[in-house]
Protein backbone atom coordinates (compact mmCIF):
# COMPACT_ATOMS: atom_id res chain seq x y z
CA MET A 1 49.93 52.55 35.06
CA SER A 2 48.37 54.90 37.59
CA LEU A 3 50.17 57.21 39.98
CA SER A 4 48.74 55.28 42.92
CA VAL A 5 50.34 52.07 41.67
CA LEU A 6 53.75 53.74 41.50
CA THR A 7 53.48 55.24 44.97
CA ASN A 8 52.94 51.77 46.39
CA GLN A 9 56.23 50.62 44.81
CA PRO A 10 58.99 52.88 46.17
CA GLN A 11 61.75 50.62 44.81
CA LEU A 12 61.22 51.58 41.18
CA PRO A 13 63.76 50.04 38.77
CA SER A 14 66.22 52.39 37.10
CA PRO A 15 67.00 52.19 33.35
CA ASP A 16 70.12 50.05 33.85
CA GLN A 17 68.00 47.50 35.75
CA LEU A 18 65.13 47.64 33.25
CA PHE A 19 67.11 47.43 30.03
CA GLY A 20 70.19 45.38 30.97
CA ASP A 21 72.32 44.59 27.91
CA LEU A 22 70.50 47.16 25.79
CA PHE A 23 71.33 49.86 28.34
CA HIS A 24 74.97 48.78 28.47
CA ASP A 25 75.33 48.70 24.70
CA VAL A 26 73.63 52.05 24.11
CA GLN A 27 75.72 53.79 26.76
CA LEU A 28 79.10 52.36 25.75
CA LYS A 29 78.87 52.52 21.94
CA PRO A 30 77.91 55.35 22.62
CA VAL A 31 74.67 56.09 20.79
CA PHE A 32 74.38 59.48 22.52
CA ILE A 33 77.21 61.83 23.51
CA ASP A 34 75.56 62.42 26.90
CA SER A 35 74.72 59.30 28.94
CA LYS A 36 71.77 61.16 30.48
CA THR A 37 69.96 61.24 27.13
CA PHE A 38 69.13 57.53 27.05
CA VAL A 39 68.12 57.26 30.72
CA ASP A 40 65.69 60.14 30.19
CA SER A 41 64.24 58.61 27.02
CA VAL A 42 60.69 57.28 27.33
CA PRO A 43 59.93 53.78 25.97
CA LYS A 44 57.14 53.65 23.41
CA PHE A 45 56.42 50.01 24.25
CA PRO A 46 56.61 47.83 27.39
CA PRO A 47 60.26 47.35 28.39
CA ALA A 48 60.00 43.56 28.20
CA ASP A 49 58.79 43.78 24.60
CA ILE A 50 61.65 46.14 23.68
CA LEU A 51 64.23 43.79 25.24
CA SER A 52 62.79 40.77 23.49
CA TRP A 53 62.84 42.62 20.16
CA TYR A 54 66.43 43.77 20.78
CA GLU A 55 67.72 40.28 21.49
CA THR A 56 66.22 39.09 18.20
CA GLU A 57 67.26 42.02 16.01
CA LYS A 58 70.76 42.84 17.27
CA VAL A 59 72.33 39.73 15.69
CA LYS A 60 70.98 40.51 12.23
CA SER A 61 73.22 41.91 9.51
CA GLY A 62 73.02 45.68 9.14
CA PHE A 63 71.46 46.24 12.57
CA ASP A 64 71.51 49.96 13.41
CA LEU A 65 71.50 50.50 17.18
CA GLU A 66 70.80 54.23 17.12
CA ALA A 67 67.93 53.88 14.64
CA SER A 68 66.49 51.08 16.77
CA VAL A 69 66.65 53.17 19.93
CA ARG A 70 64.91 56.07 18.24
CA ALA A 71 62.23 53.70 16.90
CA ASN A 72 61.53 52.34 20.39
CA PHE A 73 62.04 55.42 22.58
CA LEU A 74 61.01 59.05 22.65
CA VAL A 75 64.37 60.84 22.89
CA PRO A 76 64.19 64.11 24.86
CA ASP A 77 65.35 67.56 23.82
CA GLN A 78 67.27 69.93 26.08
CA THR A 79 64.91 72.13 28.05
CA ALA A 80 64.95 75.81 26.98
CA SER A 81 68.02 75.31 24.78
CA ASN A 82 66.13 76.38 21.65
CA TYR A 83 64.43 79.29 23.37
CA VAL A 84 65.02 82.54 21.47
CA SER A 85 65.74 85.30 23.97
CA ASP A 86 65.02 88.98 23.50
CA THR A 87 68.22 90.64 24.70
CA THR A 88 66.61 94.08 24.55
CA LEU A 89 64.79 93.05 27.73
CA SER A 90 66.33 93.46 31.15
CA THR A 91 67.69 90.30 32.72
CA ALA A 92 64.83 90.25 35.24
CA GLU A 93 62.22 90.57 32.48
CA HIS A 94 63.85 87.71 30.58
CA ILE A 95 63.80 85.52 33.70
CA ASN A 96 60.15 86.21 34.38
CA ARG A 97 59.28 85.26 30.79
CA LEU A 98 61.33 82.07 31.09
CA TRP A 99 59.45 80.66 34.11
CA GLU A 100 56.73 79.22 31.86
CA ARG A 101 59.36 77.53 29.69
CA LEU A 102 60.89 75.85 32.74
CA THR A 103 57.58 74.80 34.31
CA ARG A 104 56.39 71.22 33.99
CA PRO A 105 52.77 70.16 34.66
CA ALA A 106 51.85 67.41 37.08
CA ASP A 107 53.23 64.15 35.71
CA THR A 108 51.45 61.25 34.10
CA ALA A 109 53.03 57.89 34.88
CA VAL A 110 54.52 56.02 31.92
CA GLU A 111 55.62 52.41 32.19
CA GLY A 112 59.38 52.13 31.88
CA SER A 113 60.04 55.87 32.14
CA SER A 114 62.72 56.93 34.60
CA ARG A 115 60.62 59.91 35.69
CA VAL A 116 59.06 59.53 39.14
CA PRO A 117 55.70 61.24 38.62
CA LEU A 118 54.86 64.23 40.80
CA PRO A 119 51.32 65.43 41.60
CA HIS A 120 51.90 69.18 41.19
CA PRO A 121 53.58 71.47 38.60
CA TYR A 122 57.26 72.21 39.16
CA ILE A 123 60.28 74.08 37.79
CA VAL A 124 63.14 72.19 36.14
CA PRO A 125 66.63 73.76 36.00
CA GLY A 126 66.95 73.66 32.20
CA GLY A 127 69.28 72.18 29.58
CA ARG A 128 69.93 68.47 30.19
CA PHE A 129 68.18 68.73 33.57
CA ARG A 130 64.57 67.86 32.74
CA GLU A 131 63.39 66.98 36.25
CA ILE A 132 63.09 68.69 39.60
CA PHE A 133 66.29 68.70 41.67
CA TYR A 134 66.18 68.84 45.44
CA TRP A 135 68.58 71.56 46.60
CA ASP A 136 68.34 73.56 43.37
CA THR A 137 64.69 74.16 44.14
CA TYR A 138 65.25 76.27 47.25
CA PHE A 139 67.26 78.80 45.28
CA THR A 140 64.76 78.73 42.43
CA MET A 141 62.04 79.46 45.01
CA LEU A 142 63.84 82.64 46.08
CA GLY A 143 63.13 84.03 42.62
CA LEU A 144 59.61 82.65 42.47
CA GLN A 145 58.88 84.49 45.72
CA GLU A 146 60.05 87.76 44.18
CA ALA A 147 58.05 87.01 41.02
CA GLY A 148 54.85 86.47 43.00
CA ARG A 149 54.63 82.79 42.02
CA ALA A 150 53.57 81.50 45.44
CA GLU A 151 51.37 78.78 43.96
CA LEU A 152 54.38 77.20 42.27
CA ILE A 153 56.30 77.31 45.56
CA ARG A 154 53.41 75.59 47.37
CA GLY A 155 53.16 72.95 44.65
CA MET A 156 56.86 72.14 44.72
CA ILE A 157 56.91 71.87 48.51
CA ASP A 158 53.91 69.56 48.28
CA ASN A 159 55.83 67.53 45.68
CA PHE A 160 58.70 67.15 48.12
CA ALA A 161 56.28 66.23 50.91
CA PHE A 162 54.83 63.62 48.54
CA LEU A 163 58.31 62.20 47.91
CA ILE A 164 59.00 62.04 51.65
CA ASP A 165 55.67 60.29 52.24
CA THR A 166 56.42 57.86 49.38
CA PHE A 167 60.10 57.06 49.88
CA GLY A 168 60.88 58.36 53.37
CA TYR A 169 63.22 61.06 52.02
CA ILE A 170 63.63 63.50 49.14
CA PRO A 171 65.67 61.92 46.33
CA ASN A 172 68.34 63.83 44.42
CA GLY A 173 65.60 64.38 41.79
CA ASN A 174 62.44 62.74 40.52
CA ARG A 175 64.16 60.03 38.50
CA THR A 176 64.40 56.35 39.33
CA TYR A 177 68.17 56.50 38.91
CA PHE A 178 68.32 59.08 41.72
CA LEU A 179 66.57 56.96 44.33
CA SER A 180 69.75 55.74 46.05
CA ARG A 181 70.59 59.19 47.43
CA SER A 182 69.25 62.55 48.53
CA GLN A 183 70.81 66.04 48.33
CA PRO A 184 71.65 68.80 50.85
CA PRO A 185 68.61 68.98 53.17
CA PHE A 186 67.09 72.35 52.29
CA PHE A 187 63.46 71.29 52.85
CA ALA A 188 63.25 73.11 56.20
CA LEU A 189 64.47 76.31 54.54
CA MET A 190 61.84 75.87 51.81
CA VAL A 191 59.11 75.47 54.41
CA GLN A 192 60.41 78.53 56.25
CA LEU A 193 60.28 80.50 53.00
CA LEU A 194 56.66 79.46 52.44
CA ALA A 195 55.88 80.39 56.06
CA GLU A 196 56.95 83.94 55.19
CA ILE A 197 54.15 83.93 52.60
CA ASP A 198 51.44 81.81 54.24
CA GLY A 199 52.16 82.23 57.96
CA GLU A 200 53.65 80.17 60.78
CA ASP A 201 51.04 77.40 60.50
CA THR A 202 53.06 76.28 57.48
CA LEU A 203 55.79 74.93 59.75
CA ARG A 204 53.30 72.88 61.74
CA ARG A 205 51.62 71.58 58.58
CA TYR A 206 54.84 70.08 57.23
CA ARG A 207 56.25 68.96 60.55
CA PRO A 208 55.65 65.22 59.88
CA GLN A 209 57.72 65.43 56.69
CA LEU A 210 60.43 67.50 58.39
CA GLN A 211 60.66 64.85 61.11
CA GLN A 212 60.79 62.06 58.55
CA GLU A 213 63.59 63.77 56.64
CA TYR A 214 65.53 64.07 59.89
CA ASN A 215 64.92 60.39 60.60
CA PHE A 216 66.32 59.54 57.16
CA TRP A 217 69.57 61.43 57.76
CA MET A 218 69.92 59.93 61.24
CA THR A 219 69.13 56.32 60.22
CA GLY A 220 71.41 53.95 62.11
CA ARG A 221 72.33 56.34 64.90
CA ALA A 222 71.26 53.83 67.55
CA GLU A 223 73.51 51.21 65.94
CA LEU A 224 76.70 53.21 66.36
CA THR A 225 79.06 51.81 68.97
CA ALA A 226 82.66 52.19 70.01
CA ASP A 227 83.46 49.48 67.46
CA ARG A 228 81.18 50.81 64.72
CA SER A 229 81.68 54.51 64.19
CA VAL A 230 79.92 54.92 60.83
CA HIS A 231 76.65 53.72 59.37
CA GLN A 232 75.12 55.11 56.20
CA ARG A 233 74.92 58.90 56.77
CA VAL A 234 75.76 58.99 60.50
CA VAL A 235 79.22 59.19 62.03
CA ARG A 236 80.19 58.82 65.69
CA ILE A 237 83.07 61.17 66.48
CA ASP A 238 83.16 60.47 70.22
CA ASP A 239 80.79 59.35 72.98
CA GLN A 240 78.79 62.58 72.83
CA THR A 241 79.07 63.56 69.17
CA VAL A 242 77.19 62.13 66.20
CA LEU A 243 77.42 64.06 62.95
CA ASN A 244 76.55 63.35 59.34
CA ARG A 245 78.17 62.65 56.00
CA TYR A 246 77.01 62.20 52.42
CA TRP A 247 76.47 58.64 51.27
CA ASP A 248 74.84 56.46 48.59
CA THR A 249 73.64 52.89 48.82
CA LEU A 250 75.16 51.79 45.49
CA THR A 251 78.73 51.04 44.34
CA THR A 252 78.26 51.10 40.55
CA PRO A 253 78.64 53.77 37.84
CA ARG A 254 75.67 56.17 37.81
CA PRO A 255 73.30 55.40 34.90
CA GLU A 256 73.16 59.08 33.92
CA ALA A 257 76.96 59.25 33.64
CA TYR A 258 77.56 55.62 32.79
CA ARG A 259 80.19 55.75 30.06
CA VAL A 260 82.43 58.29 31.82
CA GLU A 261 82.23 56.45 35.15
CA PHE A 262 82.60 53.00 33.58
CA GLU A 263 85.88 54.25 32.08
CA LEU A 264 86.83 55.88 35.40
CA GLY A 265 86.31 52.52 37.09
CA ASN A 266 88.68 50.86 34.61
CA GLU A 267 91.25 53.58 35.27
CA ALA A 268 90.90 53.02 39.02
CA ARG A 269 91.52 49.29 38.65
CA ARG A 270 94.63 49.90 36.55
CA ILE A 271 96.19 51.96 39.35
CA GLY A 272 95.08 49.65 42.16
CA VAL A 273 92.12 51.66 43.47
CA ASP A 274 89.00 49.82 44.66
CA ALA A 275 86.57 50.74 41.87
CA GLU A 276 83.40 49.88 43.79
CA ALA A 277 84.44 52.04 46.74
CA MET A 278 85.37 54.83 44.33
CA HIS A 279 81.95 54.67 42.64
CA GLN A 280 80.27 55.00 46.03
CA HIS A 281 82.43 58.04 46.85
CA VAL A 282 81.46 59.53 43.47
CA ARG A 283 77.78 58.96 44.18
CA ALA A 284 78.13 60.47 47.66
CA ALA A 285 79.68 63.57 46.10
CA CYS A 286 76.59 63.80 43.89
CA GLU A 287 74.44 63.73 47.01
CA SER A 288 76.42 66.75 48.21
CA GLY A 289 75.51 68.73 45.07
CA TRP A 290 79.23 69.55 44.65
CA ASP A 291 79.90 67.12 41.81
CA PHE A 292 82.78 67.41 41.62
CA SER A 293 85.26 69.40 43.72
CA SER A 294 88.76 69.20 45.15
CA ARG A 295 87.17 69.15 48.61
CA TRP A 296 86.35 65.46 48.02
CA LEU A 297 89.74 64.46 46.56
CA ALA A 298 92.45 63.09 48.87
CA ASP A 299 95.17 64.58 46.67
CA GLU A 300 92.96 67.61 45.83
CA LYS A 301 93.60 66.86 42.14
CA THR A 302 92.50 63.53 40.69
CA MET A 303 89.16 61.68 40.63
CA PRO A 304 90.47 58.23 41.58
CA SER A 305 91.53 59.74 44.93
CA ILE A 306 87.93 60.71 45.77
CA HIS A 307 86.95 59.79 49.35
CA THR A 308 83.67 61.61 49.99
CA THR A 309 82.27 59.18 52.55
CA ASP A 310 85.38 59.67 54.71
CA ILE A 311 84.48 63.34 55.05
CA VAL A 312 82.12 65.01 57.53
CA PRO A 313 81.04 68.15 55.63
CA VAL A 314 80.60 71.43 57.46
CA ASP A 315 77.73 72.62 55.23
CA LEU A 316 75.67 69.43 55.67
CA ASN A 317 75.96 69.60 59.44
CA CYS A 318 74.94 73.25 59.49
CA LEU A 319 71.83 72.38 57.47
CA LEU A 320 70.98 69.58 59.89
CA TYR A 321 71.53 71.93 62.84
CA PHE A 322 68.88 74.18 61.31
CA LEU A 323 66.51 71.25 60.83
CA GLU A 324 67.00 70.29 64.47
CA THR A 325 66.20 73.83 65.62
CA VAL A 326 63.07 73.98 63.45
CA LEU A 327 61.83 70.65 64.79
CA HIS A 328 62.50 71.71 68.37
CA ASP A 329 60.89 75.12 68.05
CA ASN A 330 57.89 73.71 66.23
CA SER A 331 57.28 70.87 68.68
CA ALA A 332 57.40 73.35 71.55
CA GLN A 333 54.56 75.32 69.93
CA SER A 334 52.38 72.41 68.89
CA SER A 335 50.21 70.35 71.22
CA THR A 336 49.97 67.60 68.59
CA SER A 337 53.72 67.07 68.11
CA GLU A 338 56.04 64.74 69.94
CA PRO A 339 58.65 66.82 71.81
CA PHE A 340 61.97 67.12 69.99
CA ASN A 341 65.16 67.12 72.02
CA GLY A 342 66.63 70.63 71.97
CA GLU A 343 69.96 69.28 73.18
CA LEU A 344 70.59 67.74 69.74
CA ALA A 345 71.00 71.12 68.06
CA GLN A 346 73.14 72.37 70.93
CA GLN A 347 75.42 69.33 70.71
CA ARG A 348 75.77 69.77 66.96
CA GLN A 349 76.52 73.48 67.36
CA GLN A 350 79.29 72.69 69.82
CA ALA A 351 80.68 70.00 67.51
CA ILE A 352 80.72 72.41 64.56
CA GLN A 353 82.86 74.78 66.59
CA ARG A 354 85.14 72.06 67.92
CA LEU A 355 85.72 70.01 64.77
CA PHE A 356 85.43 72.39 61.84
CA TRP A 357 86.96 75.69 62.97
CA ASN A 358 90.63 76.17 62.14
CA GLU A 359 92.31 78.88 64.16
CA GLU A 360 95.36 78.94 61.92
CA THR A 361 93.54 79.48 58.61
CA GLY A 362 90.69 81.49 60.09
CA PHE A 363 88.11 79.36 58.29
CA PHE A 364 85.76 76.42 58.79
CA HIS A 365 86.98 73.19 57.14
CA ASP A 366 85.47 69.75 56.51
CA TYR A 367 86.61 66.91 58.80
CA ASP A 368 88.25 63.64 57.69
CA ILE A 369 87.07 60.81 59.94
CA VAL A 370 89.80 58.41 58.74
CA ALA A 371 92.69 60.82 59.25
CA GLN A 372 90.90 62.25 62.32
CA GLN A 373 91.74 65.78 61.28
CA GLN A 374 90.40 68.60 59.15
CA THR A 375 90.78 68.43 55.40
CA PRO A 376 93.11 71.05 53.90
CA SER A 377 90.57 72.47 51.42
CA ILE A 378 89.30 75.99 52.04
CA THR A 379 85.98 76.37 50.23
CA LEU A 380 82.75 78.35 50.34
CA ALA A 381 81.22 75.45 52.28
CA GLY A 382 83.05 76.99 55.22
CA VAL A 383 80.72 80.01 55.10
CA PHE A 384 77.61 78.01 56.09
CA PRO A 385 78.19 78.54 59.85
CA LEU A 386 77.73 82.26 59.19
CA PHE A 387 74.56 81.65 57.19
CA PHE A 388 73.04 79.91 60.23
CA LYS A 389 74.65 82.34 62.73
CA LEU A 390 76.80 79.64 64.32
CA ALA A 391 80.07 81.59 64.10
CA THR A 392 81.37 83.98 66.73
CA PRO A 393 81.83 87.62 65.71
CA GLU A 394 85.61 87.12 65.67
CA GLN A 395 85.32 84.02 63.49
CA ALA A 396 83.02 85.91 61.13
CA ARG A 397 85.52 88.77 60.89
CA ARG A 398 88.34 86.41 59.98
CA ILE A 399 86.21 84.61 57.40
CA HIS A 400 85.15 87.96 55.96
CA ASP A 401 88.78 89.00 55.60
CA ARG A 402 89.71 85.73 53.89
CA LEU A 403 86.71 85.93 51.57
CA LYS A 404 87.55 89.48 50.56
CA ALA A 405 91.24 88.77 50.04
CA ASP A 406 91.04 85.40 48.24
CA PHE A 407 87.53 84.50 47.08
CA LEU A 408 86.13 87.78 45.76
CA GLN A 409 86.81 87.94 42.03
CA ALA A 410 85.73 90.19 39.17
CA GLY A 411 82.42 88.34 38.75
CA GLY A 412 81.60 87.33 42.32
CA TRP A 413 82.68 84.62 44.75
CA VAL A 414 84.82 81.76 43.44
CA THR A 415 83.94 78.34 44.89
CA THR A 416 87.40 77.11 45.94
CA LEU A 417 90.99 78.24 45.61
CA ASN A 418 92.10 75.10 43.74
CA GLN A 419 92.16 74.95 39.94
CA THR A 420 91.62 71.28 39.19
CA GLY A 421 89.36 71.24 36.14
CA GLN A 422 86.41 70.16 38.32
CA GLN A 423 83.36 72.36 37.98
CA TRP A 424 82.99 73.12 41.70
CA ASP A 425 86.50 74.61 41.83
CA TRP A 426 88.32 77.74 40.67
CA PRO A 427 87.50 79.68 38.45
CA ASN A 428 83.78 78.89 38.68
CA GLY A 429 81.09 80.63 40.66
CA TRP A 430 77.64 79.20 41.37
CA ALA A 431 74.41 81.04 42.16
CA PRO A 432 73.52 79.13 45.38
CA LEU A 433 76.86 79.93 46.96
CA GLN A 434 76.59 83.60 45.96
CA TRP A 435 73.38 83.72 47.99
CA ILE A 436 74.87 81.86 50.95
CA VAL A 437 77.88 84.22 51.10
CA TYR A 438 75.72 87.32 50.64
CA GLN A 439 73.33 86.47 53.46
CA SER A 440 76.17 85.25 55.69
CA LEU A 441 78.04 88.54 55.43
CA LEU A 442 74.86 90.51 56.09
CA ASN A 443 74.23 88.39 59.20
CA TYR A 444 77.44 89.75 60.73
CA GLY A 445 77.23 93.33 59.50
CA PHE A 446 79.66 93.17 56.57
CA VAL A 447 77.24 95.04 54.35
CA GLU A 448 79.73 96.73 52.04
CA THR A 449 81.53 93.50 51.13
CA ALA A 450 78.23 91.65 50.73
CA GLN A 451 76.97 94.28 48.32
CA GLU A 452 80.23 94.32 46.37
CA GLY A 453 80.03 90.56 45.79
CA ARG A 454 76.35 90.83 44.90
CA ASN A 455 76.92 93.66 42.43
CA ARG A 456 79.79 91.87 40.67
CA TRP A 457 77.71 88.70 40.28
CA LEU A 458 74.67 90.54 38.95
CA ALA A 459 76.85 92.50 36.51
CA LEU A 460 78.37 89.25 35.23
CA ASN A 461 74.92 87.69 34.78
CA ASP A 462 73.80 90.81 32.90
CA LYS A 463 76.89 90.79 30.68
CA VAL A 464 76.52 87.15 29.70
CA PHE A 465 72.79 87.55 29.07
CA LYS A 466 73.30 90.55 26.79
CA ALA A 467 76.04 88.70 24.89
CA THR A 468 74.36 85.29 24.60
CA GLY A 469 70.71 85.57 25.59
CA LYS A 470 71.34 82.90 28.24
CA MET A 471 71.25 82.46 31.99
CA THR A 472 73.69 79.64 32.68
CA GLU A 473 74.27 76.99 35.31
CA LYS A 474 77.61 78.41 36.45
CA TYR A 475 79.98 81.26 35.52
CA ASN A 476 83.69 81.91 35.28
CA VAL A 477 83.93 84.64 37.92
CA VAL A 478 87.68 85.13 37.50
CA ASP A 479 87.78 86.02 33.80
CA ALA A 480 84.43 86.82 32.23
CA SER A 481 85.95 86.66 28.75
CA LEU A 482 86.39 82.91 29.19
CA THR A 483 83.77 80.20 29.55
CA THR A 484 83.41 78.06 32.63
CA GLY A 485 85.37 74.84 32.86
CA GLY A 486 85.07 71.41 34.38
CA GLY A 487 82.26 68.96 34.70
CA LYS A 488 81.33 65.90 32.71
CA TYR A 489 78.88 67.80 30.51
CA PRO A 490 78.74 71.26 28.83
CA ASN A 491 77.58 74.31 30.76
CA GLN A 492 73.79 74.29 30.80
CA ASP A 493 71.39 77.14 30.19
CA GLY A 494 67.94 77.82 31.58
CA PHE A 495 68.75 78.02 34.45
CA GLY A 496 66.55 77.63 37.53
CA TRP A 497 68.74 78.52 40.47
CA THR A 498 70.63 81.24 38.62
CA ASN A 499 67.30 82.86 37.76
CA GLY A 500 66.06 82.60 41.33
CA VAL A 501 69.16 84.03 42.97
CA TYR A 502 69.38 86.82 40.40
CA LEU A 503 65.86 88.06 41.22
CA ALA A 504 66.43 87.77 44.97
CA LEU A 505 69.74 89.66 44.83
CA ALA A 506 68.37 92.26 42.41
CA LYS A 507 65.55 92.98 44.82
CA ASP A 508 68.10 93.64 47.55
CA VAL A 509 69.84 96.19 45.32
CA HIS A 510 66.77 98.36 45.77
CA THR A 511 65.96 97.53 49.39
CA ARG A 512 69.46 97.67 50.91
CA SER A 513 71.60 99.90 48.71
């Protein structure tokens, strides 16, 4: 099957659709500990032939399901997990050696594979993540820029442009089971980063894709009425205000986490929770990249209480504000572009101030459209208005004080103040949010605090690398002697965005300190 054939069929079937009963049986037995292993396996034969063979063989005495799967599929290894690190190297030297290990060549289409083939080489995060991920890639690019790997940056941006041209949006990642959702819209920031390398024409070159991504997030805006306040990813707050939420088209367990979410659905039914609605909230949380966190949980504790699509997230709306400003500024400079309404960014900026700022807590919160009030969670998502310079100086000062008093820990910035067992909560710290906080504090002149958080994070990365030879997906920033907790899978090593943010922050040690 050629790449051109696939690009003409944007509704590619996911493994659960392709393999039906075989998929269900493999995932629930389970044949593999991690549900993602089977959905990333590549069939050796046409899927229809495998299914026909399975229906015949499974009823025979002594049938071995695992042996049959391995006979019919190429089962993947974890990326970079068997890489032997040289801990006598500096962390930066190790990262720069690891880029080749994490780079994948342009894809060749394989019938029945869940991989959506991309035309240019790209970086994968590592571990169980064997594909490109949308928002991860921006933070990986920060390191590639410092490493002088501009060609990889160009190729990955062209891959995302290809996905937009093919599907009308950038999926969560280049897998068929990701095609029902996107991720935080960082494409405009990626294009801006490339413009720093290649010049301002870069913004004009990718303007059609930037506009299409905006259209995707705003789909259904014209259909909102006084009687219909939500549609897909758009939310009408009042007559003048339309903001955005995370969403997913499907209401079933995710194929890549099938067994865990199948069991979660059964638990929901036992306690009277609508399982289909819960699955959609779970999927929407995955679109946010924060999968999972107390910020999405109504009781701030338990997964069945998840209500992601009820929430208007402050970080998402800051990212879309930036996209609106880029589209407006670019259309004003280009004679070939349709004018973009500059009032849209202004309206969103005003709404961010009105709906998300909490004078009592001195922080930006998410907004619950059902309760028509802010959510109680105080998280690092509330720093995004500073990253995009949407906060007033007084708001920035109060956020700075709260960050320094509550969020700054021995190893950097902790994600939330709630200890729930979810991976995007206390005591974990994540590389992308370290970068967001660092740049946000610099934007408002809090240089000393920014550098303190940076230095603690880099020192923790160095300590773990020297002890284990690994750069990991996330870190326990509260107690470095303990491993990270939470999540539906073990902590992964590789690891793309950690590598990228490390190099970008390490560069600033020399340029700012």
